[in-house]
Every structure is written in structure tokens, then in C-alpha cells.
N, C-alpha and C. Protein backbone atom coordinates (compact mmCIF):
# COMPACT_ATOMS: atom_id res chain seq x y z
N UNK A 1 -138.16 -86.83 100.27
CA UNK A 1 -138.55 -88.09 100.83
C UNK A 1 -137.86 -88.16 102.30
N UNK A 2 -138.64 -88.30 103.39
CA UNK A 2 -138.13 -88.50 104.60
C UNK A 2 -137.94 -90.02 104.82
N UNK A 3 -136.68 -90.25 105.33
CA UNK A 3 -136.46 -91.73 105.72
C UNK A 3 -136.12 -91.79 107.39
N UNK A 4 -136.34 -92.96 107.82
CA UNK A 4 -135.79 -93.14 109.26
C UNK A 4 -134.90 -94.42 109.17
N UNK A 5 -133.72 -94.13 109.88
CA UNK A 5 -132.77 -95.06 110.32
C UNK A 5 -132.83 -95.32 111.80
N UNK A 6 -132.83 -96.40 112.13
CA UNK A 6 -133.08 -96.78 113.46
C UNK A 6 -132.12 -98.01 114.01
N UNK A 7 -131.75 -98.01 114.97
CA UNK A 7 -130.93 -99.18 115.65
C UNK A 7 -131.98 -99.54 116.88
N UNK A 8 -132.58 -100.83 116.69
CA UNK A 8 -133.21 -101.38 117.80
C UNK A 8 -132.97 -102.82 118.17
N UNK A 9 -132.46 -103.17 119.24
CA UNK A 9 -132.04 -104.62 119.68
C UNK A 9 -131.17 -105.08 118.78
N UNK A 10 -130.13 -104.10 118.59
CA UNK A 10 -128.86 -104.37 117.72
C UNK A 10 -129.36 -104.66 116.21
N UNK A 11 -130.21 -104.37 115.91
CA UNK A 11 -130.85 -104.74 114.26
C UNK A 11 -131.09 -103.39 113.62
N UNK A 12 -130.17 -102.60 113.19
CA UNK A 12 -130.60 -101.33 112.50
C UNK A 12 -131.35 -101.64 111.27
N UNK A 13 -132.46 -100.73 110.94
CA UNK A 13 -133.19 -100.57 109.63
C UNK A 13 -133.30 -99.23 109.09
N UNK A 14 -133.32 -99.33 107.98
CA UNK A 14 -133.66 -97.89 107.08
C UNK A 14 -135.00 -98.20 106.51
N UNK A 15 -135.94 -97.13 106.83
CA UNK A 15 -137.09 -97.28 106.46
C UNK A 15 -137.64 -95.89 105.89
N UNK A 16 -138.49 -95.86 104.64
CA UNK A 16 -138.70 -94.70 104.14
C UNK A 16 -140.25 -94.54 104.42
N UNK A 17 -140.85 -93.26 104.08
CA UNK A 17 -142.07 -92.96 104.30
C UNK A 17 -142.92 -93.82 103.32
N UNK A 18 -142.33 -94.10 102.20
CA UNK A 18 -143.25 -94.77 101.39
C UNK A 18 -143.24 -96.26 101.45
N UNK A 19 -142.72 -96.67 102.67
CA UNK A 19 -142.92 -98.10 103.13
C UNK A 19 -141.77 -99.11 102.71
N UNK A 20 -140.57 -98.48 102.17
CA UNK A 20 -139.37 -99.11 101.54
C UNK A 20 -138.48 -99.57 103.13
N UNK A 21 -138.27 -100.47 103.10
CA UNK A 21 -137.66 -101.25 104.55
C UNK A 21 -136.41 -101.89 103.87
N UNK A 22 -135.37 -101.60 104.74
CA UNK A 22 -133.88 -102.09 104.58
C UNK A 22 -133.50 -102.24 105.99
N UNK A 23 -133.20 -103.85 106.26
CA UNK A 23 -132.99 -104.18 107.56
C UNK A 23 -131.50 -104.65 107.46
N UNK A 24 -130.65 -104.20 108.31
CA UNK A 24 -129.25 -104.75 108.55
C UNK A 24 -129.46 -105.98 109.47
N UNK A 25 -128.42 -106.87 109.43
CA UNK A 25 -128.48 -107.89 110.35
C UNK A 25 -128.05 -107.39 111.78
N UNK A 26 -127.12 -106.51 111.86
CA UNK A 26 -126.72 -106.13 113.13
C UNK A 26 -125.83 -104.92 113.01
N UNK A 27 -125.60 -104.18 114.00
CA UNK A 27 -124.69 -103.13 114.27
C UNK A 27 -123.46 -103.52 115.03
N UNK A 28 -122.28 -103.24 114.58
CA UNK A 28 -121.18 -103.86 115.17
C UNK A 28 -120.61 -102.72 116.17
N UNK A 29 -120.79 -101.51 115.69
CA UNK A 29 -120.40 -100.47 116.53
C UNK A 29 -121.02 -99.17 115.93
N UNK A 30 -121.16 -98.15 116.94
CA UNK A 30 -121.55 -96.89 116.87
C UNK A 30 -120.87 -96.00 117.56
N UNK A 31 -120.46 -94.91 116.88
CA UNK A 31 -119.72 -93.72 117.69
C UNK A 31 -120.34 -92.54 117.75
N UNK A 32 -120.72 -92.28 119.02
CA UNK A 32 -121.61 -90.96 119.05
C UNK A 32 -120.72 -89.80 119.75
N UNK A 33 -120.82 -88.70 119.30
CA UNK A 33 -120.06 -87.66 119.64
C UNK A 33 -120.96 -86.32 119.50
N UNK A 34 -120.35 -85.33 120.35
CA UNK A 34 -121.08 -83.92 120.25
C UNK A 34 -119.82 -83.22 120.62
N UNK A 35 -119.78 -81.97 119.79
CA UNK A 35 -118.91 -80.79 120.19
C UNK A 35 -119.21 -79.56 119.73
N UNK A 36 -118.35 -78.68 120.42
CA UNK A 36 -118.67 -77.33 119.99
C UNK A 36 -117.30 -76.69 119.92
N UNK A 37 -117.38 -75.32 119.08
CA UNK A 37 -116.02 -74.68 118.82
C UNK A 37 -116.29 -73.45 119.61
N UNK A 38 -115.52 -72.92 120.59
CA UNK A 38 -115.36 -71.65 121.19
C UNK A 38 -114.97 -70.84 120.23
N UNK A 39 -115.50 -69.32 120.43
CA UNK A 39 -114.90 -68.21 119.83
C UNK A 39 -113.48 -68.03 120.47
N UNK A 40 -113.03 -67.26 119.48
CA UNK A 40 -111.53 -66.97 120.01
C UNK A 40 -111.62 -65.39 120.49
N UNK A 41 -112.57 -64.66 120.18
CA UNK A 41 -112.95 -63.36 120.64
C UNK A 41 -113.28 -63.41 122.30
N UNK A 42 -112.75 -62.20 122.92
CA UNK A 42 -113.10 -62.13 124.26
C UNK A 42 -114.62 -62.38 124.73
N UNK A 43 -114.72 -62.56 125.70
CA UNK A 43 -116.31 -62.63 126.30
C UNK A 43 -116.49 -61.54 127.13
N UNK A 44 -117.66 -60.74 127.00
CA UNK A 44 -117.74 -59.46 127.65
C UNK A 44 -118.27 -59.82 129.28
N UNK A 45 -117.48 -59.40 130.03
CA UNK A 45 -117.97 -59.80 131.54
C UNK A 45 -119.30 -59.02 131.97
N UNK A 46 -120.21 -59.83 132.72
CA UNK A 46 -121.42 -59.36 133.12
C UNK A 46 -122.53 -59.39 132.25
N UNK A 47 -122.25 -60.15 131.01
CA UNK A 47 -123.26 -60.46 129.94
C UNK A 47 -123.45 -62.03 129.96
N UNK A 48 -124.74 -62.34 129.20
CA UNK A 48 -125.04 -63.78 128.93
C UNK A 48 -124.36 -64.20 127.85
N UNK A 49 -123.72 -65.52 128.06
CA UNK A 49 -122.89 -65.78 126.83
C UNK A 49 -123.68 -66.56 125.74
N UNK A 50 -124.07 -65.88 124.63
CA UNK A 50 -125.01 -66.56 123.65
C UNK A 50 -124.26 -66.80 122.33
N UNK A 51 -123.47 -66.12 121.76
CA UNK A 51 -122.84 -66.27 120.40
C UNK A 51 -121.43 -66.67 120.62
N UNK A 52 -120.81 -67.04 121.63
CA UNK A 52 -119.36 -67.49 121.64
C UNK A 52 -119.08 -68.83 121.47
N UNK A 53 -120.11 -69.59 121.16
CA UNK A 53 -119.83 -71.08 120.69
C UNK A 53 -120.64 -71.50 119.37
N UNK A 54 -119.91 -72.43 118.77
CA UNK A 54 -120.75 -72.87 117.50
C UNK A 54 -120.89 -74.14 117.51
N UNK A 55 -122.01 -74.81 117.54
CA UNK A 55 -122.15 -76.20 117.57
C UNK A 55 -121.85 -76.83 116.38
N UNK A 56 -120.88 -77.87 116.31
CA UNK A 56 -120.34 -78.43 115.39
C UNK A 56 -121.39 -79.49 114.77
N UNK A 57 -121.13 -79.91 113.56
CA UNK A 57 -122.10 -80.81 112.85
C UNK A 57 -121.92 -82.26 113.70
N UNK A 58 -123.08 -82.83 113.82
CA UNK A 58 -123.10 -84.14 114.44
C UNK A 58 -122.72 -85.23 113.40
N UNK A 59 -121.74 -86.12 113.73
CA UNK A 59 -121.41 -87.31 112.83
C UNK A 59 -121.57 -88.56 113.65
N UNK A 60 -122.10 -89.61 112.83
CA UNK A 60 -122.27 -90.86 113.51
C UNK A 60 -121.69 -91.83 112.57
N UNK A 61 -120.67 -92.36 113.01
CA UNK A 61 -120.05 -93.48 112.13
C UNK A 61 -120.70 -94.67 112.86
N UNK A 62 -120.95 -95.63 112.01
CA UNK A 62 -121.85 -96.82 112.31
C UNK A 62 -121.22 -97.84 111.43
N UNK A 63 -120.99 -99.12 112.13
CA UNK A 63 -120.69 -100.42 111.16
C UNK A 63 -121.75 -101.29 111.31
N UNK A 64 -122.14 -101.68 110.09
CA UNK A 64 -123.41 -102.47 110.12
C UNK A 64 -122.97 -103.76 109.15
N UNK A 65 -123.72 -104.66 109.48
CA UNK A 65 -123.52 -106.20 108.58
C UNK A 65 -124.80 -106.50 108.02
N UNK A 66 -124.64 -107.03 106.64
CA UNK A 66 -125.74 -107.45 106.12
C UNK A 66 -125.12 -108.95 105.29
N UNK A 67 -125.65 -110.12 105.77
CA UNK A 67 -125.27 -111.30 105.06
C UNK A 67 -126.31 -111.99 104.17
N UNK A 68 -125.81 -112.82 103.36
CA UNK A 68 -126.72 -113.44 102.53
C UNK A 68 -127.35 -114.52 103.36
N UNK A 69 -128.56 -114.94 102.78
CA UNK A 69 -129.26 -116.05 103.38
C UNK A 69 -129.63 -117.03 102.31
N UNK A 70 -129.76 -117.98 102.79
CA UNK A 70 -130.08 -119.38 101.97
C UNK A 70 -131.59 -119.66 102.22
N UNK A 71 -132.34 -119.36 101.12
CA UNK A 71 -134.02 -119.54 101.26
C UNK A 71 -134.30 -120.64 100.32
N UNK A 72 -134.91 -121.74 100.79
CA UNK A 72 -135.30 -122.71 99.79
C UNK A 72 -134.45 -123.23 98.95
N UNK A 73 -133.03 -123.62 99.61
CA UNK A 73 -131.81 -124.07 98.95
C UNK A 73 -131.29 -123.17 97.78
N UNK A 74 -131.74 -121.76 97.65
CA UNK A 74 -131.20 -120.93 97.00
C UNK A 74 -130.60 -119.79 97.78
N UNK A 75 -129.25 -119.43 97.46
CA UNK A 75 -128.49 -118.52 98.21
C UNK A 75 -129.04 -117.00 97.61
N UNK A 76 -129.51 -116.29 98.46
CA UNK A 76 -129.84 -115.03 98.18
C UNK A 76 -128.84 -113.92 98.30
N UNK A 77 -128.52 -113.19 97.56
CA UNK A 77 -127.23 -112.18 97.59
C UNK A 77 -127.98 -110.86 98.05
N UNK A 78 -128.25 -110.95 99.44
CA UNK A 78 -128.76 -109.74 100.21
C UNK A 78 -127.41 -108.93 100.39
N UNK A 79 -126.44 -109.25 100.60
CA UNK A 79 -124.96 -108.50 100.75
C UNK A 79 -124.62 -107.62 99.47
N UNK A 80 -125.06 -108.18 98.21
CA UNK A 80 -124.85 -107.34 96.77
C UNK A 80 -125.95 -106.42 96.89
N UNK A 81 -127.10 -106.62 97.10
CA UNK A 81 -128.27 -105.97 97.06
C UNK A 81 -128.17 -104.77 98.01
N UNK A 82 -127.76 -104.94 99.40
CA UNK A 82 -127.41 -103.95 100.13
C UNK A 82 -126.49 -102.91 99.93
N UNK A 83 -125.45 -103.37 99.20
CA UNK A 83 -124.28 -102.57 98.81
C UNK A 83 -125.01 -101.46 97.75
N UNK A 84 -125.44 -102.22 96.74
CA UNK A 84 -126.17 -101.47 95.80
C UNK A 84 -126.91 -100.27 96.08
N UNK A 85 -127.76 -100.63 97.26
CA UNK A 85 -128.63 -99.55 98.04
C UNK A 85 -127.96 -98.48 98.71
N UNK A 86 -127.02 -99.00 99.38
CA UNK A 86 -126.04 -97.89 100.00
C UNK A 86 -125.42 -96.98 99.02
N UNK A 87 -124.73 -97.64 98.13
CA UNK A 87 -124.23 -96.50 97.00
C UNK A 87 -125.48 -95.58 96.65
N UNK A 88 -126.60 -96.26 95.99
CA UNK A 88 -127.61 -95.35 95.67
C UNK A 88 -127.91 -94.41 96.81
N UNK A 89 -128.12 -94.49 97.83
CA UNK A 89 -128.55 -93.66 99.05
C UNK A 89 -127.50 -92.51 99.21
N UNK A 90 -126.19 -93.07 99.15
CA UNK A 90 -125.09 -92.10 99.46
C UNK A 90 -124.86 -90.93 98.17
N UNK A 91 -125.17 -91.40 96.88
CA UNK A 91 -125.17 -90.44 95.87
C UNK A 91 -126.45 -89.98 95.42
N UNK A 92 -127.53 -89.86 96.23
CA UNK A 92 -128.82 -89.59 95.69
C UNK A 92 -128.62 -88.11 95.76
N UNK A 93 -129.35 -87.62 94.56
CA UNK A 93 -129.64 -86.23 94.29
C UNK A 93 -131.20 -85.80 93.78
N UNK A 94 -131.90 -85.25 94.85
CA UNK A 94 -131.31 -84.57 95.94
C UNK A 94 -131.13 -85.75 97.17
N UNK A 95 -130.38 -85.40 98.16
CA UNK A 95 -129.88 -86.26 99.24
C UNK A 95 -131.17 -86.69 99.89
N UNK A 96 -131.08 -87.95 100.34
CA UNK A 96 -132.47 -88.58 101.34
C UNK A 96 -132.06 -88.27 102.65
N UNK A 97 -132.99 -87.50 103.35
CA UNK A 97 -132.90 -87.18 104.82
C UNK A 97 -133.46 -88.38 105.51
N UNK A 98 -132.64 -88.57 106.90
CA UNK A 98 -132.95 -89.71 107.69
C UNK A 98 -133.39 -89.14 108.91
N UNK A 99 -133.94 -89.97 109.67
CA UNK A 99 -134.19 -89.81 111.07
C UNK A 99 -133.32 -91.04 111.78
N UNK A 100 -132.49 -90.96 112.47
CA UNK A 100 -131.65 -92.07 113.24
C UNK A 100 -131.80 -92.13 114.57
N UNK A 101 -132.34 -93.15 115.00
CA UNK A 101 -132.51 -93.51 116.32
C UNK A 101 -131.98 -94.72 116.72
N UNK A 102 -131.06 -94.58 117.84
CA UNK A 102 -130.27 -95.55 118.16
C UNK A 102 -130.59 -95.68 119.87
N UNK A 103 -130.01 -96.52 120.64
CA UNK A 103 -130.65 -96.67 121.67
C UNK A 103 -129.83 -95.54 122.84
N UNK A 104 -128.99 -94.51 122.19
CA UNK A 104 -128.63 -93.51 123.04
C UNK A 104 -129.50 -92.45 122.92
N UNK A 105 -129.76 -92.01 121.28
CA UNK A 105 -130.40 -90.79 120.98
C UNK A 105 -131.12 -90.93 119.66
N UNK A 106 -131.73 -89.88 119.14
CA UNK A 106 -132.43 -89.75 117.96
C UNK A 106 -131.91 -88.35 117.47
N UNK A 107 -131.56 -88.51 116.21
CA UNK A 107 -131.16 -87.41 115.41
C UNK A 107 -131.86 -87.30 114.32
N UNK A 108 -132.34 -86.10 113.80
CA UNK A 108 -133.35 -85.96 112.48
C UNK A 108 -132.43 -85.18 111.71
N UNK A 109 -132.77 -85.02 110.34
CA UNK A 109 -132.17 -84.40 109.09
C UNK A 109 -130.51 -84.86 109.10
N UNK A 110 -130.48 -86.09 108.80
CA UNK A 110 -129.29 -86.68 108.66
C UNK A 110 -129.06 -87.35 107.44
N UNK A 111 -127.96 -87.18 106.76
CA UNK A 111 -127.76 -87.71 105.44
C UNK A 111 -126.60 -88.54 105.56
N UNK A 112 -126.50 -89.41 104.53
CA UNK A 112 -125.50 -90.54 104.39
C UNK A 112 -124.33 -89.89 103.79
N UNK A 113 -123.04 -89.56 104.40
CA UNK A 113 -122.08 -89.01 104.04
C UNK A 113 -121.17 -90.01 102.98
N UNK A 114 -120.90 -90.97 103.80
CA UNK A 114 -120.20 -92.11 103.02
C UNK A 114 -120.41 -93.58 103.44
N UNK A 115 -120.20 -94.58 102.47
CA UNK A 115 -120.43 -95.93 102.84
C UNK A 115 -119.04 -96.65 102.26
N UNK A 116 -118.56 -97.31 103.06
CA UNK A 116 -117.34 -98.22 102.66
C UNK A 116 -117.55 -99.53 103.11
N UNK A 117 -116.84 -100.45 102.49
CA UNK A 117 -116.81 -101.85 102.73
C UNK A 117 -115.58 -102.56 102.21
N UNK A 118 -115.01 -103.26 103.05
CA UNK A 118 -113.89 -104.03 102.84
C UNK A 118 -114.17 -105.53 102.49
N UNK A 119 -114.03 -106.00 101.55
CA UNK A 119 -114.14 -107.67 101.40
C UNK A 119 -113.03 -108.65 101.54
N UNK A 120 -113.18 -109.53 102.58
CA UNK A 120 -112.15 -110.33 102.66
C UNK A 120 -112.49 -112.05 102.72
N UNK A 121 -111.65 -112.83 102.49
CA UNK A 121 -112.11 -114.18 102.52
C UNK A 121 -112.87 -114.59 103.72
N UNK A 122 -112.43 -114.01 104.81
CA UNK A 122 -113.10 -114.28 106.11
C UNK A 122 -114.67 -113.76 106.12
N UNK A 123 -114.66 -112.78 105.32
CA UNK A 123 -116.39 -112.29 105.55
C UNK A 123 -117.45 -113.07 104.52
N UNK A 124 -116.68 -113.90 103.63
CA UNK A 124 -117.63 -114.55 102.72
C UNK A 124 -118.54 -113.89 102.00
N UNK A 125 -120.03 -114.14 102.07
CA UNK A 125 -121.19 -113.80 101.63
C UNK A 125 -121.84 -112.84 102.51
N UNK A 126 -120.98 -111.81 103.09
CA UNK A 126 -121.57 -110.84 104.02
C UNK A 126 -120.91 -109.56 103.65
N UNK A 127 -121.74 -108.50 103.94
CA UNK A 127 -121.29 -107.20 103.78
C UNK A 127 -121.01 -106.55 105.24
N UNK A 128 -119.72 -106.10 105.33
CA UNK A 128 -119.55 -105.39 106.64
C UNK A 128 -119.25 -104.02 106.06
N UNK A 129 -120.24 -102.98 106.34
CA UNK A 129 -120.00 -101.62 105.73
C UNK A 129 -119.98 -100.74 107.09
N UNK A 130 -119.01 -99.52 106.68
CA UNK A 130 -118.67 -98.47 107.56
C UNK A 130 -119.65 -97.19 107.01
N UNK A 131 -120.43 -97.06 107.67
CA UNK A 131 -121.23 -95.75 107.19
C UNK A 131 -121.04 -94.37 108.09
N UNK A 132 -121.01 -93.30 107.41
CA UNK A 132 -120.87 -92.20 108.04
C UNK A 132 -122.14 -91.38 107.75
N UNK A 133 -123.00 -91.02 109.13
CA UNK A 133 -124.17 -90.17 108.83
C UNK A 133 -123.68 -88.91 109.36
N UNK A 134 -124.33 -87.83 109.00
CA UNK A 134 -124.08 -86.57 109.22
C UNK A 134 -125.40 -85.86 109.47
N UNK A 135 -125.54 -85.04 110.54
CA UNK A 135 -126.63 -84.20 110.64
C UNK A 135 -126.50 -82.81 110.14
N UNK A 136 -127.46 -82.50 109.10
CA UNK A 136 -127.33 -81.12 108.67
C UNK A 136 -127.95 -80.12 109.57
N UNK A 137 -127.37 -78.93 109.29
CA UNK A 137 -128.02 -77.96 110.18
C UNK A 137 -128.46 -76.83 109.46
N UNK A 138 -129.80 -76.58 109.51
CA UNK A 138 -130.53 -75.71 108.82
C UNK A 138 -130.61 -74.45 109.38
N UNK A 139 -130.57 -73.31 108.67
CA UNK A 139 -130.88 -71.87 109.29
C UNK A 139 -131.98 -71.65 109.16
N UNK A 140 -132.72 -71.49 110.17
CA UNK A 140 -134.04 -70.95 110.20
C UNK A 140 -134.34 -69.43 110.25
N UNK A 141 -134.87 -69.09 109.31
CA UNK A 141 -134.99 -67.52 109.06
C UNK A 141 -136.50 -66.97 109.11
N UNK A 142 -136.57 -65.86 109.65
CA UNK A 142 -137.91 -65.17 109.59
C UNK A 142 -137.86 -64.00 108.56
N UNK A 143 -139.04 -63.66 108.10
CA UNK A 143 -138.99 -62.69 107.13
C UNK A 143 -139.41 -61.22 108.07
N UNK A 144 -138.60 -60.31 108.00
CA UNK A 144 -138.56 -59.20 108.97
C UNK A 144 -139.18 -58.19 107.88
N UNK A 145 -140.43 -57.37 108.50
CA UNK A 145 -140.80 -56.21 107.52
C UNK A 145 -140.03 -55.00 108.04
N UNK A 146 -139.74 -54.11 107.17
CA UNK A 146 -139.33 -52.80 107.27
C UNK A 146 -140.12 -52.06 108.06
N UNK A 147 -140.01 -51.63 109.18
CA UNK A 147 -141.06 -50.96 110.02
C UNK A 147 -140.59 -49.28 110.09
N UNK A 148 -139.38 -49.19 109.65
CA UNK A 148 -138.90 -47.77 109.81
C UNK A 148 -139.83 -47.00 109.39
N UNK A 149 -140.15 -47.09 107.89
CA UNK A 149 -140.92 -46.13 106.81
C UNK A 149 -142.43 -45.86 107.76
N UNK A 150 -142.94 -46.86 108.24
CA UNK A 150 -144.37 -46.67 108.76
C UNK A 150 -144.05 -45.78 110.14
N UNK A 151 -143.11 -46.17 110.99
CA UNK A 151 -142.89 -45.43 111.95
C UNK A 151 -142.58 -44.21 111.85
N UNK A 152 -141.70 -43.69 110.70
CA UNK A 152 -141.46 -42.41 110.25
C UNK A 152 -142.88 -41.55 110.01
N UNK A 153 -143.64 -42.21 109.17
CA UNK A 153 -145.11 -41.80 108.61
C UNK A 153 -145.85 -41.45 109.80
N UNK A 154 -146.02 -42.18 110.84
CA UNK A 154 -146.74 -42.10 111.95
C UNK A 154 -146.32 -40.90 112.79
N UNK A 155 -145.10 -40.80 112.90
CA UNK A 155 -144.58 -39.75 113.79
C UNK A 155 -144.39 -38.44 113.25
N UNK A 156 -144.27 -38.40 111.86
CA UNK A 156 -144.27 -37.03 111.24
C UNK A 156 -145.43 -36.28 110.93
N UNK A 157 -146.29 -37.01 110.25
CA UNK A 157 -147.65 -36.47 110.09
C UNK A 157 -147.42 -35.35 108.93
N UNK A 158 -148.11 -34.34 109.27
CA UNK A 158 -147.86 -33.00 108.31
C UNK A 158 -147.02 -32.09 108.93
N UNK A 159 -145.75 -32.23 108.60
CA UNK A 159 -144.51 -31.43 109.05
C UNK A 159 -143.88 -30.89 107.89
N UNK A 160 -143.62 -29.49 108.02
CA UNK A 160 -142.95 -28.60 107.01
C UNK A 160 -141.57 -28.90 107.39
N UNK A 161 -140.96 -29.42 106.14
CA UNK A 161 -139.41 -29.68 106.30
C UNK A 161 -138.58 -28.49 105.87
N UNK A 162 -139.28 -27.45 105.65
CA UNK A 162 -138.64 -26.19 105.53
C UNK A 162 -138.71 -25.80 104.02
N UNK A 163 -138.34 -24.60 103.53
CA UNK A 163 -138.45 -24.13 102.28
C UNK A 163 -137.22 -23.82 101.60
N UNK A 164 -137.19 -23.65 100.49
CA UNK A 164 -135.85 -23.64 99.59
C UNK A 164 -135.51 -22.12 99.56
N UNK A 165 -136.21 -21.33 100.03
CA UNK A 165 -135.88 -19.76 100.19
C UNK A 165 -135.85 -19.03 98.97
N UNK A 166 -136.47 -19.39 98.01
CA UNK A 166 -136.49 -18.87 96.63
C UNK A 166 -137.68 -17.93 96.56
N UNK A 167 -137.79 -17.09 97.09
CA UNK A 167 -138.86 -16.34 96.97
C UNK A 167 -139.09 -14.97 97.58
């Protein structure tokens, strides 16, 4: 199941392809970063540098808020429901893939690595959750045919490979 997680006008939401919608009240912070690790091997002079760096996995820590709301005189426990859904998404097997869009960038193939929340008397009926989203790196491979046998067959044709000399 592909899911979209996006931040728009400081109100991040979680939406799935099945129409499921999870709206946070706000995002308090987002920490965007990108990094590469350079090889310790010498780089050959005069060549194009292609495999001397490894792109590190992208991580996006984000702090979100979900508060409970009073509807028709009844206090709705949105913060409790939100925490239960975050736990379910974090532990989902197979993992749920997200597309994360913030005002800075869009990241695809993201999973929810962790969710944590600290409850205090000051937060009352609200959930302030620290989420860590991680972008997965998929290896894209192509199937290669073994063309060596065909090349040998085409090049040799009818060739006498020698005799055993038994005769």
C-alpha cells in the first residue's frame, strides 16, 4: 500500500491510496538533511569520479501535534487515536511506504522508523509526537544475458579443434 505524507500550510497529513486520511494539527519542527560518505580509496587522476561516494540514507525527524477536540459537548480523544495509529504504522509488516512532501522537498519510498511521545501535565489532551521518517534505497537491477556463448558460436562456425592423434 502506497501512502502519502505531506506538510502543507503547517498542517501535515497522512493519506493512503485507499482514501484513509490522518491529519496532524501542526508540525512544530522538521529537520531536513542530506549527506554522502566519501571512499577512503585513492581517486584516479584524469578519470570521472563515479563510485567514490555513497549517498547516505535520508532521514527526516519531524515533530507533530494532535490535540483532542470538543464536538457537540463531547471530548473526542483524537490524540489517543493518533498515537494508536502511529504505533500501528511503525510496526506494520510489511512496512507502509510513504511519499513525504514538505515545503522544502518531496521524498519517495519513506518508512516510519520510530514514533515517540512524552506526556506532561502541560500537554493535557494533546499528543506531541517525534517521528523519524527514513527513505529506503532500492537497488535497481537489470537481467543481463550471457552473450558469450552466442558470440563464440557465431565466431567459430565449423572449426576443427584438433584431433587426439590416436590413429
